[in-house]
């Protein structure tokens, strides 16, 4: 089993393609998006290990404002404004909204 995701959906939301970390066959990717206020949302995921991390950073801080890791991720989906990470229990565990500003709603810990 692996994480299901649509590369074109991620491209539409992050406005860049997911970048492979290491060898492409390993299935590890990173996506990031910055806004005009100095915030940066970064998602790193491993499709075969079924893990995903999400962090919110600001250019004036050395460490992330928020840093979360989710295990047993089954699906990453998105539309033009939202990123949804679905965990093993078939419920969304987090929804990140990109517009008008970054916001993160943690639904299930």
PDB file of N, CA and C in Angstrom:
ATOM      1  N   UNK A   1       0.835  -1.184   0.000  1.00  0.00           N
ATOM      2  CA  UNK A   1       0.000   0.000   0.000  1.00  0.00           C
ATOM      3  C   UNK A   1       0.880   1.247   0.000  1.00  0.00           C
ATOM      4  N   UNK A   2       0.365   2.332  -0.507  1.00  0.00           N
ATOM      5  CA  UNK A   2       1.118   3.572  -0.588  1.00  0.00           C
ATOM      6  C   UNK A   2       0.158   4.754  -0.548  1.00  0.00           C
ATOM      7  N   UNK A   3       0.712   5.948  -0.407  1.00  0.00           N
ATOM      8  CA  UNK A   3      -0.100   7.169  -0.382  1.00  0.00           C
ATOM      9  C   UNK A   3      -0.585   7.476  -1.793  1.00  0.00           C
ATOM     10  N   UNK A   4      -1.885   7.695  -1.921  1.00  0.00           N
ATOM     11  CA  UNK A   4      -2.451   8.114  -3.200  1.00  0.00           C
ATOM     12  C   UNK A   4      -2.392   9.631  -3.279  1.00  0.00           C
ATOM     13  N   UNK A   5      -1.947  10.145  -4.424  1.00  0.00           N
ATOM     14  CA  UNK A   5      -1.939  11.585  -4.639  1.00  0.00           C
ATOM     15  C   UNK A   5      -1.934  11.856  -6.130  1.00  0.00           C
ATOM     16  N   UNK A   6      -2.378  13.036  -6.491  1.00  0.00           N
ATOM     17  CA  UNK A   6      -2.398  13.467  -7.879  1.00  0.00           C
ATOM     18  C   UNK A   6      -1.365  14.572  -8.040  1.00  0.00           C
ATOM     19  N   UNK A   7      -0.342  14.291  -8.815  1.00  0.00           N
ATOM     20  CA  UNK A   7       0.745  15.251  -8.995  1.00  0.00           C
ATOM     21  C   UNK A   7       0.245  16.566  -9.593  1.00  0.00           C
ATOM     22  N   UNK A   8      -0.766  16.496 -10.456  1.00  0.00           N
ATOM     23  CA  UNK A   8      -1.302  17.711 -11.078  1.00  0.00           C
ATOM     24  C   UNK A   8      -2.087  18.562 -10.081  1.00  0.00           C
ATOM     25  N   UNK A   9      -2.784  17.915  -9.139  1.00  0.00           N
ATOM     26  CA  UNK A   9      -3.466  18.668  -8.081  1.00  0.00           C
ATOM     27  C   UNK A   9      -2.452  19.413  -7.223  1.00  0.00           C
ATOM     28  N   UNK A  10      -1.364  18.726  -6.851  1.00  0.00           N
ATOM     29  CA  UNK A  10      -0.317  19.370  -6.051  1.00  0.00           C
ATOM     30  C   UNK A  10       0.331  20.512  -6.821  1.00  0.00           C
ATOM     31  N   UNK A  11       0.538  20.324  -8.107  1.00  0.00           N
ATOM     32  CA  UNK A  11       1.094  21.380  -8.947  1.00  0.00           C
ATOM     33  C   UNK A  11       0.178  22.597  -8.951  1.00  0.00           C
ATOM     34  N   UNK A  12      -1.123  22.377  -9.043  1.00  0.00           N
ATOM     35  CA  UNK A  12      -2.078  23.481  -9.042  1.00  0.00           C
ATOM     36  C   UNK A  12      -2.102  24.244  -7.732  1.00  0.00           C
ATOM     37  N   UNK A  13      -1.942  23.552  -6.622  1.00  0.00           N
ATOM     38  CA  UNK A  13      -2.000  24.194  -5.309  1.00  0.00           C
ATOM     39  C   UNK A  13      -0.668  24.832  -4.919  1.00  0.00           C
ATOM     40  N   UNK A  14       0.419  24.095  -5.060  1.00  0.00           N
ATOM     41  CA  UNK A  14       1.733  24.604  -4.653  1.00  0.00           C
ATOM     42  C   UNK A  14       2.394  25.458  -5.737  1.00  0.00           C
ATOM     43  N   UNK A  15       1.853  25.385  -6.955  1.00  0.00           N
ATOM     44  CA  UNK A  15       2.353  26.129  -8.117  1.00  0.00           C
ATOM     45  C   UNK A  15       3.747  25.694  -8.539  1.00  0.00           C
ATOM     46  N   UNK A  16       4.208  24.550  -8.048  1.00  0.00           N
ATOM     47  CA  UNK A  16       5.434  23.888  -8.501  1.00  0.00           C
ATOM     48  C   UNK A  16       5.210  22.384  -8.373  1.00  0.00           C
ATOM     49  N   UNK A  17       5.931  21.619  -9.162  1.00  0.00           N
ATOM     50  CA  UNK A  17       5.822  20.168  -9.077  1.00  0.00           C
ATOM     51  C   UNK A  17       6.481  19.659  -7.799  1.00  0.00           C
ATOM     52  N   UNK A  18       5.998  18.536  -7.260  1.00  0.00           N
ATOM     53  CA  UNK A  18       6.703  17.924  -6.132  1.00  0.00           C
ATOM     54  C   UNK A  18       8.132  17.582  -6.548  1.00  0.00           C
ATOM     55  N   UNK A  19       9.088  17.891  -5.684  1.00  0.00           N
ATOM     56  CA  UNK A  19      10.495  17.635  -5.970  1.00  0.00           C
ATOM     57  C   UNK A  19      10.894  16.337  -5.284  1.00  0.00           C
ATOM     58  N   UNK A  20      11.505  15.445  -6.040  1.00  0.00           N
ATOM     59  CA  UNK A  20      11.943  14.170  -5.492  1.00  0.00           C
ATOM     60  C   UNK A  20      13.149  14.379  -4.581  1.00  0.00           C
ATOM     61  N   UNK A  21      13.121  13.717  -3.427  1.00  0.00           N
ATOM     62  CA  UNK A  21      14.242  13.752  -2.483  1.00  0.00           C
ATOM     63  C   UNK A  21      14.988  12.432  -2.638  1.00  0.00           C
ATOM     64  N   UNK A  22      16.254  12.483  -2.956  1.00  0.00           N
ATOM     65  CA  UNK A  22      17.014  11.255  -3.179  1.00  0.00           C
ATOM     66  C   UNK A  22      16.648  10.655  -4.523  1.00  0.00           C
ATOM     67  N   UNK A  23      16.676   9.340  -4.601  1.00  0.00           N
ATOM     68  CA  UNK A  23      16.329   8.638  -5.832  1.00  0.00           C
ATOM     69  C   UNK A  23      14.816   8.650  -6.015  1.00  0.00           C
ATOM     70  N   UNK A  24      14.358   8.904  -7.238  1.00  0.00           N
ATOM     71  CA  UNK A  24      12.919   8.996  -7.496  1.00  0.00           C
ATOM     72  C   UNK A  24      12.195   7.698  -7.129  1.00  0.00           C
ATOM     73  N   UNK A  25      12.869   6.565  -7.271  1.00  0.00           N
ATOM     74  CA  UNK A  25      12.262   5.270  -6.956  1.00  0.00           C
ATOM     75  C   UNK A  25      11.949   5.116  -5.467  1.00  0.00           C
ATOM     76  N   UNK A  26      12.579   5.931  -4.613  1.00  0.00           N
ATOM     77  CA  UNK A  26      12.317   5.874  -3.172  1.00  0.00           C
ATOM     78  C   UNK A  26      10.945   6.437  -2.826  1.00  0.00           C
ATOM     79  N   UNK A  27      10.391   7.282  -3.690  1.00  0.00           N
ATOM     80  CA  UNK A  27       9.059   7.817  -3.468  1.00  0.00           C
ATOM     81  C   UNK A  27       8.973   8.876  -2.388  1.00  0.00           C
ATOM     82  N   UNK A  28      10.041   9.654  -2.199  1.00  0.00           N
ATOM     83  CA  UNK A  28      10.037  10.739  -1.214  1.00  0.00           C
ATOM     84  C   UNK A  28      10.009  12.072  -1.957  1.00  0.00           C
ATOM     85  N   UNK A  29       9.077  12.942  -1.543  1.00  0.00           N
ATOM     86  CA  UNK A  29       8.875  14.206  -2.245  1.00  0.00           C
ATOM     87  C   UNK A  29       8.742  15.365  -1.266  1.00  0.00           C
ATOM     88  N   UNK A  30       9.017  16.562  -1.766  1.00  0.00           N
ATOM     89  CA  UNK A  30       8.831  17.787  -0.997  1.00  0.00           C
ATOM     90  C   UNK A  30       8.098  18.799  -1.872  1.00  0.00           C
ATOM     91  N   UNK A  31       7.157  19.504  -1.249  1.00  0.00           N
ATOM     92  CA  UNK A  31       6.426  20.592  -1.900  1.00  0.00           C
ATOM     93  C   UNK A  31       6.464  21.788  -0.954  1.00  0.00           C
ATOM     94  N   UNK A  32       6.559  22.978  -1.485  1.00  0.00           N
ATOM     95  CA  UNK A  32       6.536  24.161  -0.618  1.00  0.00           C
ATOM     96  C   UNK A  32       5.901  25.328  -1.347  1.00  0.00           C
ATOM     97  N   UNK A  33       5.353  26.229  -0.554  1.00  0.00           N
ATOM     98  CA  UNK A  33       4.751  27.446  -1.097  1.00  0.00           C
ATOM     99  C   UNK A  33       4.971  28.574  -0.101  1.00  0.00           C
ATOM    100  N   UNK A  34       5.365  29.726  -0.614  1.00  0.00           N
ATOM    101  CA  UNK A  34       5.574  30.924   0.209  1.00  0.00           C
ATOM    102  C   UNK A  34       4.497  31.943  -0.108  1.00  0.00           C
ATOM    103  N   UNK A  35       4.210  32.797   0.876  1.00  0.00           N
ATOM    104  CA  UNK A  35       3.268  33.884   0.630  1.00  0.00           C
ATOM    105  C   UNK A  35       3.991  35.225   0.732  1.00  0.00           C
ATOM    106  N   UNK A  36       3.275  36.291   0.540  1.00  0.00           N
ATOM    107  CA  UNK A  36       3.855  37.627   0.556  1.00  0.00           C
ATOM    108  C   UNK A  36       4.170  38.166   1.934  1.00  0.00           C
ATOM    109  N   UNK A  37       3.825  37.423   2.981  1.00  0.00           N
ATOM    110  CA  UNK A  37       4.057  37.872   4.353  1.00  0.00           C
ATOM    111  C   UNK A  37       5.257  37.183   5.000  1.00  0.00           C
ATOM    112  N   UNK A  38       5.996  36.401   4.238  1.00  0.00           N
ATOM    113  CA  UNK A  38       7.178  35.726   4.768  1.00  0.00           C
ATOM    114  C   UNK A  38       6.923  34.338   5.312  1.00  0.00           C
ATOM    115  N   UNK A  39       5.703  33.826   5.170  1.00  0.00           N
ATOM    116  CA  UNK A  39       5.388  32.475   5.631  1.00  0.00           C
ATOM    117  C   UNK A  39       5.649  31.471   4.519  1.00  0.00           C
ATOM    118  N   UNK A  40       6.012  30.258   4.925  1.00  0.00           N
ATOM    119  CA  UNK A  40       6.264  29.190   3.970  1.00  0.00           C
ATOM    120  C   UNK A  40       5.687  27.897   4.528  1.00  0.00           C
ATOM    121  N   UNK A  41       4.858  27.246   3.739  1.00  0.00           N
ATOM    122  CA  UNK A  41       4.273  25.959   4.113  1.00  0.00           C
ATOM    123  C   UNK A  41       5.027  24.870   3.353  1.00  0.00           C
ATOM    124  N   UNK A  42       5.546  23.891   4.085  1.00  0.00           N
ATOM    125  CA  UNK A  42       6.356  22.830   3.486  1.00  0.00           C
ATOM    126  C   UNK A  42       5.723  21.481   3.812  1.00  0.00           C
ATOM    127  N   UNK A  43       5.552  20.659   2.782  1.00  0.00           N
ATOM    128  CA  UNK A  43       5.051  19.301   2.975  1.00  0.00           C
ATOM    129  C   UNK A  43       6.094  18.323   2.430  1.00  0.00           C
ATOM    130  N   UNK A  44       6.467  17.350   3.247  1.00  0.00           N
ATOM    131  CA  UNK A  44       7.379  16.283   2.846  1.00  0.00           C
ATOM    132  C   UNK A  44       6.625  14.975   3.036  1.00  0.00           C
ATOM    133  N   UNK A  45       6.643  14.119   2.018  1.00  0.00           N
ATOM    134  CA  UNK A  45       5.939  12.850   2.173  1.00  0.00           C
ATOM    135  C   UNK A  45       6.686  11.718   1.480  1.00  0.00           C
ATOM    136  N   UNK A  46       6.501  10.527   2.048  1.00  0.00           N
ATOM    137  CA  UNK A  46       7.077   9.302   1.508  1.00  0.00           C
ATOM    138  C   UNK A  46       5.924   8.372   1.163  1.00  0.00           C
ATOM    139  N   UNK A  47       5.729   8.134  -0.129  1.00  0.00           N
ATOM    140  CA  UNK A  47       4.543   7.386  -0.535  1.00  0.00           C
ATOM    141  C   UNK A  47       4.589   5.924  -0.088  1.00  0.00           C
ATOM    142  N   UNK A  48       5.775   5.331   0.023  1.00  0.00           N
ATOM    143  CA  UNK A  48       5.872   3.925   0.423  1.00  0.00           C
ATOM    144  C   UNK A  48       5.893   3.747   1.939  1.00  0.00           C
ATOM    145  N   UNK A  49       6.460   4.699   2.659  1.00  0.00           N
ATOM    146  CA  UNK A  49       6.471   4.634   4.124  1.00  0.00           C
ATOM    147  C   UNK A  49       5.160   5.132   4.720  1.00  0.00           C
ATOM    148  N   UNK A  50       4.326   5.772   3.896  1.00  0.00           N
ATOM    149  CA  UNK A  50       3.014   6.297   4.296  1.00  0.00           C
ATOM    150  C   UNK A  50       3.118   7.328   5.422  1.00  0.00           C
ATOM    151  N   UNK A  51       4.123   8.191   5.345  1.00  0.00           N
ATOM    152  CA  UNK A  51       4.291   9.271   6.313  1.00  0.00           C
ATOM    153  C   UNK A  51       4.287  10.603   5.574  1.00  0.00           C
ATOM    154  N   UNK A  52       3.827  11.623   6.282  1.00  0.00           N
ATOM    155  CA  UNK A  52       3.750  12.964   5.717  1.00  0.00           C
ATOM    156  C   UNK A  52       4.014  13.961   6.837  1.00  0.00           C
ATOM    157  N   UNK A  53       4.843  14.947   6.565  1.00  0.00           N
ATOM    158  CA  UNK A  53       5.068  16.009   7.545  1.00  0.00           C
ATOM    159  C   UNK A  53       4.675  17.335   6.920  1.00  0.00           C
ATOM    160  N   UNK A  54       4.181  18.206   7.762  1.00  0.00           N
ATOM    161  CA  UNK A  54       3.721  19.523   7.341  1.00  0.00           C
ATOM    162  C   UNK A  54       4.305  20.531   8.312  1.00  0.00           C
ATOM    163  N   UNK A  55       4.943  21.560   7.786  1.00  0.00           N
ATOM    164  CA  UNK A  55       5.506  22.584   8.670  1.00  0.00           C
ATOM    165  C   UNK A  55       5.181  23.965   8.137  1.00  0.00           C
ATOM    166  N   UNK A  56       4.970  24.873   9.068  1.00  0.00           N
ATOM    167  CA  UNK A  56       4.734  26.278   8.753  1.00  0.00           C
ATOM    168  C   UNK A  56       5.914  27.058   9.301  1.00  0.00           C
ATOM    169  N   UNK A  57       6.578  27.779   8.423  1.00  0.00           N
ATOM    170  CA  UNK A  57       7.788  28.515   8.773  1.00  0.00           C
ATOM    171  C   UNK A  57       7.593  29.996   8.474  1.00  0.00           C
ATOM    172  N   UNK A  58       8.401  30.822   9.124  1.00  0.00           N
ATOM    173  CA  UNK A  58       8.438  32.247   8.814  1.00  0.00           C
ATOM    174  C   UNK A  58       9.890  32.644   8.629  1.00  0.00           C
ATOM    175  N   UNK A  59      10.129  33.522   7.693  1.00  0.00           N
ATOM    176  CA  UNK A  59      11.503  33.899   7.352  1.00  0.00           C
ATOM    177  C   UNK A  59      12.270  34.519   8.511  1.00  0.00           C
ATOM    178  N   UNK A  60      11.585  35.055   9.508  1.00  0.00           N
ATOM    179  CA  UNK A  60      12.277  35.696  10.627  1.00  0.00           C
ATOM    180  C   UNK A  60      12.606  34.728  11.772  1.00  0.00           C
ATOM    181  N   UNK A  61      12.184  33.459  11.656  1.00  0.00           N
ATOM    182  CA  UNK A  61      12.455  32.461  12.694  1.00  0.00           C
ATOM    183  C   UNK A  61      13.350  31.354  12.150  1.00  0.00           C
ATOM    184  N   UNK A  62      14.232  30.849  13.006  1.00  0.00           N
ATOM    185  CA  UNK A  62      15.120  29.761  12.599  1.00  0.00           C
ATOM    186  C   UNK A  62      14.420  28.407  12.621  1.00  0.00           C
ATOM    187  N   UNK A  63      13.462  28.236  13.517  1.00  0.00           N
ATOM    188  CA  UNK A  63      12.752  26.967  13.644  1.00  0.00           C
ATOM    189  C   UNK A  63      11.306  27.145  13.186  1.00  0.00           C
ATOM    190  N   UNK A  64      10.659  26.054  12.778  1.00  0.00           N
ATOM    191  CA  UNK A  64       9.271  26.157  12.323  1.00  0.00           C
ATOM    192  C   UNK A  64       8.328  26.633  13.426  1.00  0.00           C
ATOM    193  N   UNK A  65       7.304  27.350  13.034  1.00  0.00           N
ATOM    194  CA  UNK A  65       6.241  27.761  13.947  1.00  0.00           C
ATOM    195  C   UNK A  65       5.404  26.542  14.325  1.00  0.00           C
ATOM    196  N   UNK A  66       5.157  25.700  13.347  1.00  0.00           N
ATOM    197  CA  UNK A  66       4.363  24.489  13.534  1.00  0.00           C
ATOM    198  C   UNK A  66       5.023  23.379  12.727  1.00  0.00           C
ATOM    199  N   UNK A  67       5.196  22.217  13.341  1.00  0.00           N
ATOM    200  CA  UNK A  67       5.829  21.085  12.666  1.00  0.00           C
ATOM    201  C   UNK A  67       5.095  19.822  13.088  1.00  0.00           C
ATOM    202  N   UNK A  68       4.442  19.153  12.136  1.00  0.00           N
ATOM    203  CA  UNK A  68       3.630  17.978  12.446  1.00  0.00           C
ATOM    204  C   UNK A  68       4.035  16.818  11.556  1.00  0.00           C
ATOM    205  N   UNK A  69       3.931  15.610  12.092  1.00  0.00           N
ATOM    206  CA  UNK A  69       4.193  14.406  11.311  1.00  0.00           C
ATOM    207  C   UNK A  69       3.002  13.473  11.451  1.00  0.00           C
ATOM    208  N   UNK A  70       2.547  12.947  10.330  1.00  0.00           N
ATOM    209  CA  UNK A  70       1.403  12.044  10.308  1.00  0.00           C
ATOM    210  C   UNK A  70       1.845  10.689   9.773  1.00  0.00           C
ATOM    211  N   UNK A  71       1.448   9.629  10.475  1.00  0.00           N
ATOM    212  CA  UNK A  71       1.747   8.262  10.064  1.00  0.00           C
ATOM    213  C   UNK A  71       0.499   7.626   9.476  1.00  0.00           C
ATOM    214  N   UNK A  72       0.674   6.559   8.752  1.00  0.00           N
ATOM    215  CA  UNK A  72      -0.429   5.805   8.139  1.00  0.00           C
ATOM    216  C   UNK A  72      -1.293   6.683   7.243  1.00  0.00           C
ATOM    217  N   UNK A  73      -0.663   7.548   6.477  1.00  0.00           N
ATOM    218  CA  UNK A  73      -1.381   8.408   5.532  1.00  0.00           C
ATOM    219  C   UNK A  73      -1.754   7.565   4.319  1.00  0.00           C
ATOM    220  N   UNK A  74      -3.012   7.669   3.894  1.00  0.00           N
ATOM    221  CA  UNK A  74      -3.463   6.898   2.740  1.00  0.00           C
ATOM    222  C   UNK A  74      -3.707   7.766   1.507  1.00  0.00           C
ATOM    223  N   UNK A  75      -3.996   9.064   1.719  1.00  0.00           N
ATOM    224  CA  UNK A  75      -4.314   9.906   0.569  1.00  0.00           C
ATOM    225  C   UNK A  75      -3.993  11.367   0.860  1.00  0.00           C
ATOM    226  N   UNK A  76      -3.460  12.044  -0.150  1.00  0.00           N
ATOM    227  CA  UNK A  76      -3.266  13.491  -0.119  1.00  0.00           C
ATOM    228  C   UNK A  76      -4.054  14.042  -1.293  1.00  0.00           C
ATOM    229  N   UNK A  77      -5.005  14.913  -1.000  1.00  0.00           N
ATOM    230  CA  UNK A  77      -5.807  15.502  -2.068  1.00  0.00           C
ATOM    231  C   UNK A  77      -5.855  17.010  -1.887  1.00  0.00           C
ATOM    232  N   UNK A  78      -6.189  17.701  -2.951  1.00  0.00           N
ATOM    233  CA  UNK A  78      -6.251  19.157  -2.859  1.00  0.00           C
ATOM    234  C   UNK A  78      -7.105  19.718  -3.981  1.00  0.00           C
ATOM    235  N   UNK A  79      -7.484  20.973  -3.765  1.00  0.00           N
ATOM    236  CA  UNK A  79      -8.140  21.752  -4.800  1.00  0.00           C
ATOM    237  C   UNK A  79      -7.370  23.059  -4.917  1.00  0.00           C
ATOM    238  N   UNK A  80      -7.971  24.093  -5.416  1.00  0.00           N
ATOM    239  CA  UNK A  80      -7.248  25.353  -5.625  1.00  0.00           C
ATOM    240  C   UNK A  80      -6.852  26.065  -4.343  1.00  0.00           C
ATOM    241  N   UNK A  81      -7.511  25.769  -3.224  1.00  0.00           N
ATOM    242  CA  UNK A  81      -7.230  26.507  -1.987  1.00  0.00           C
ATOM    243  C   UNK A  81      -6.916  25.633  -0.783  1.00  0.00           C
ATOM    244  N   UNK A  82      -7.193  24.322  -0.844  1.00  0.00           N
ATOM    245  CA  UNK A  82      -7.023  23.472   0.331  1.00  0.00           C
ATOM    246  C   UNK A  82      -6.233  22.206   0.035  1.00  0.00           C
ATOM    247  N   UNK A  83      -5.471  21.791   1.044  1.00  0.00           N
ATOM    248  CA  UNK A  83      -4.737  20.532   1.028  1.00  0.00           C
ATOM    249  C   UNK A  83      -5.346  19.652   2.113  1.00  0.00           C
ATOM    250  N   UNK A  84      -5.696  18.413   1.773  1.00  0.00           N
ATOM    251  CA  UNK A  84      -6.289  17.493   2.743  1.00  0.00           C
ATOM    252  C   UNK A  84      -5.411  16.255   2.852  1.00  0.00           C
ATOM    253  N   UNK A  85      -5.052  15.926   4.084  1.00  0.00           N
ATOM    254  CA  UNK A  85      -4.259  14.729   4.354  1.00  0.00           C
ATOM    255  C   UNK A  85      -5.172  13.735   5.057  1.00  0.00           C
ATOM    256  N   UNK A  86      -5.367  12.590   4.430  1.00  0.00           N
ATOM    257  CA  UNK A  86      -6.277  11.571   4.953  1.00  0.00           C
ATOM    258  C   UNK A  86      -5.468  10.434   5.561  1.00  0.00           C
ATOM    259  N   UNK A  87      -5.786  10.114   6.818  1.00  0.00           N
ATOM    260  CA  UNK A  87      -5.068   9.055   7.529  1.00  0.00           C
ATOM    261  C   UNK A  87      -5.810   7.730   7.420  1.00  0.00           C
ATOM    262  N   UNK A  88      -5.284   6.719   8.041  1.00  0.00           N
ATOM    263  CA  UNK A  88      -5.751   5.345   7.907  1.00  0.00           C
ATOM    264  C   UNK A  88      -7.220   5.134   8.252  1.00  0.00           C
ATOM    265  N   UNK A  89      -7.763   5.954   9.119  1.00  0.00           N
ATOM    266  CA  UNK A  89      -9.149   5.758   9.557  1.00  0.00           C
ATOM    267  C   UNK A  89     -10.163   6.348   8.583  1.00  0.00           C
ATOM    268  N   UNK A  90      -9.738   6.660   7.359  1.00  0.00           N
ATOM    269  CA  UNK A  90     -10.594   7.196   6.299  1.00  0.00           C
ATOM    270  C   UNK A  90     -11.178   8.562   6.614  1.00  0.00           C
ATOM    271  N   UNK A  91     -10.615   9.252   7.572  1.00  0.00           N
ATOM    272  CA  UNK A  91     -11.041  10.617   7.882  1.00  0.00           C
ATOM    273  C   UNK A  91      -9.876  11.562   7.609  1.00  0.00           C
ATOM    274  N   UNK A  92     -10.199  12.794   7.249  1.00  0.00           N
ATOM    275  CA  UNK A  92      -9.143  13.786   7.080  1.00  0.00           C
ATOM    276  C   UNK A  92      -8.554  14.094   8.446  1.00  0.00           C
ATOM    277  N   UNK A  93      -7.236  14.013   8.575  1.00  0.00           N
ATOM    278  CA  UNK A  93      -6.621  14.331   9.860  1.00  0.00           C
ATOM    279  C   UNK A  93      -6.140  15.773   9.895  1.00  0.00           C
ATOM    280  N   UNK A  94      -5.958  16.391   8.734  1.00  0.00           N
ATOM    281  CA  UNK A  94      -5.568  17.800   8.702  1.00  0.00           C
ATOM    282  C   UNK A  94      -6.021  18.414   7.377  1.00  0.00           C
ATOM    283  N   UNK A  95      -6.442  19.666   7.468  1.00  0.00           N
ATOM    284  CA  UNK A  95      -6.770  20.448   6.277  1.00  0.00           C
ATOM    285  C   UNK A  95      -5.983  21.741   6.358  1.00  0.00           C
ATOM    286  N   UNK A  96      -5.170  21.990   5.339  1.00  0.00           N
ATOM    287  CA  UNK A  96      -4.402  23.233   5.260  1.00  0.00           C
ATOM    288  C   UNK A  96      -5.022  24.100   4.172  1.00  0.00           C
ATOM    289  N   UNK A  97      -5.369  25.320   4.545  1.00  0.00           N
ATOM    290  CA  UNK A  97      -5.936  26.271   3.597  1.00  0.00           C
ATOM    291  C   UNK A  97      -4.847  27.242   3.171  1.00  0.00           C
ATOM    292  N   UNK A  98      -4.768  27.521   1.889  1.00  0.00           N
ATOM    293  CA  UNK A  98      -3.703  28.356   1.347  1.00  0.00           C
ATOM    294  C   UNK A  98      -4.129  29.798   1.116  1.00  0.00           C
ATOM    295  N   UNK A  99      -5.405  30.039   0.863  1.00  0.00           N
ATOM    296  CA  UNK A  99      -5.861  31.392   0.547  1.00  0.00           C
ATOM    297  C   UNK A  99      -7.033  31.763   1.428  1.00  0.00           C
ATOM    298  N   UNK A 100      -7.164  32.974   1.885  1.00  0.00           N
ATOM    299  CA  UNK A 100      -6.308  34.123   1.577  1.00  0.00           C
ATOM    300  C   UNK A 100      -4.973  34.075   2.314  1.00  0.00           C
ATOM    301  N   UNK A 101      -4.912  33.371   3.464  1.00  0.00           N
ATOM    302  CA  UNK A 101      -3.660  33.189   4.209  1.00  0.00           C
ATOM    303  C   UNK A 101      -3.544  31.722   4.575  1.00  0.00           C
ATOM    304  N   UNK A 102      -2.338  31.295   4.954  1.00  0.00           N
ATOM    305  CA  UNK A 102      -2.165  29.917   5.397  1.00  0.00           C
ATOM    306  C   UNK A 102      -2.909  29.703   6.712  1.00  0.00           C
ATOM    307  N   UNK A 103      -3.656  28.618   6.788  1.00  0.00           N
ATOM    308  CA  UNK A 103      -4.253  28.191   8.052  1.00  0.00           C
ATOM    309  C   UNK A 103      -4.253  26.669   8.064  1.00  0.00           C
ATOM    310  N   UNK A 104      -4.102  26.098   9.249  1.00  0.00           N
ATOM    311  CA  UNK A 104      -4.033  24.647   9.384  1.00  0.00           C
ATOM    312  C   UNK A 104      -5.057  24.213  10.415  1.00  0.00           C
ATOM    313  N   UNK A 105      -5.935  23.308  10.011  1.00  0.00           N
ATOM    314  CA  UNK A 105      -6.980  22.789  10.877  1.00  0.00           C
ATOM    315  C   UNK A 105      -6.664  21.319  11.159  1.00  0.00           C
ATOM    316  N   UNK A 106      -6.294  21.028  12.405  1.00  0.00           N
ATOM    317  CA  UNK A 106      -5.972  19.659  12.808  1.00  0.00           C
ATOM    318  C   UNK A 106      -7.265  19.014  13.287  1.00  0.00           C
ATOM    319  N   UNK A 107      -7.708  17.982  12.565  1.00  0.00           N
ATOM    320  CA  UNK A 107      -9.003  17.382  12.848  1.00  0.00           C
ATOM    321  C   UNK A 107      -8.909  16.151  13.733  1.00  0.00           C
ATOM    322  N   UNK A 108      -7.842  15.381  13.589  1.00  0.00           N
ATOM    323  CA  UNK A 108      -7.740  14.118  14.316  1.00  0.00           C
ATOM    324  C   UNK A 108      -6.280  13.885  14.669  1.00  0.00           C
ATOM    325  N   UNK A 109      -5.973  13.843  15.960  1.00  0.00           N
ATOM    326  CA  UNK A 109      -4.580  13.625  16.381  1.00  0.00           C
ATOM    327  C   UNK A 109      -4.342  12.184  16.730  1.00  0.00           C
TER     328      UNK A 109
END
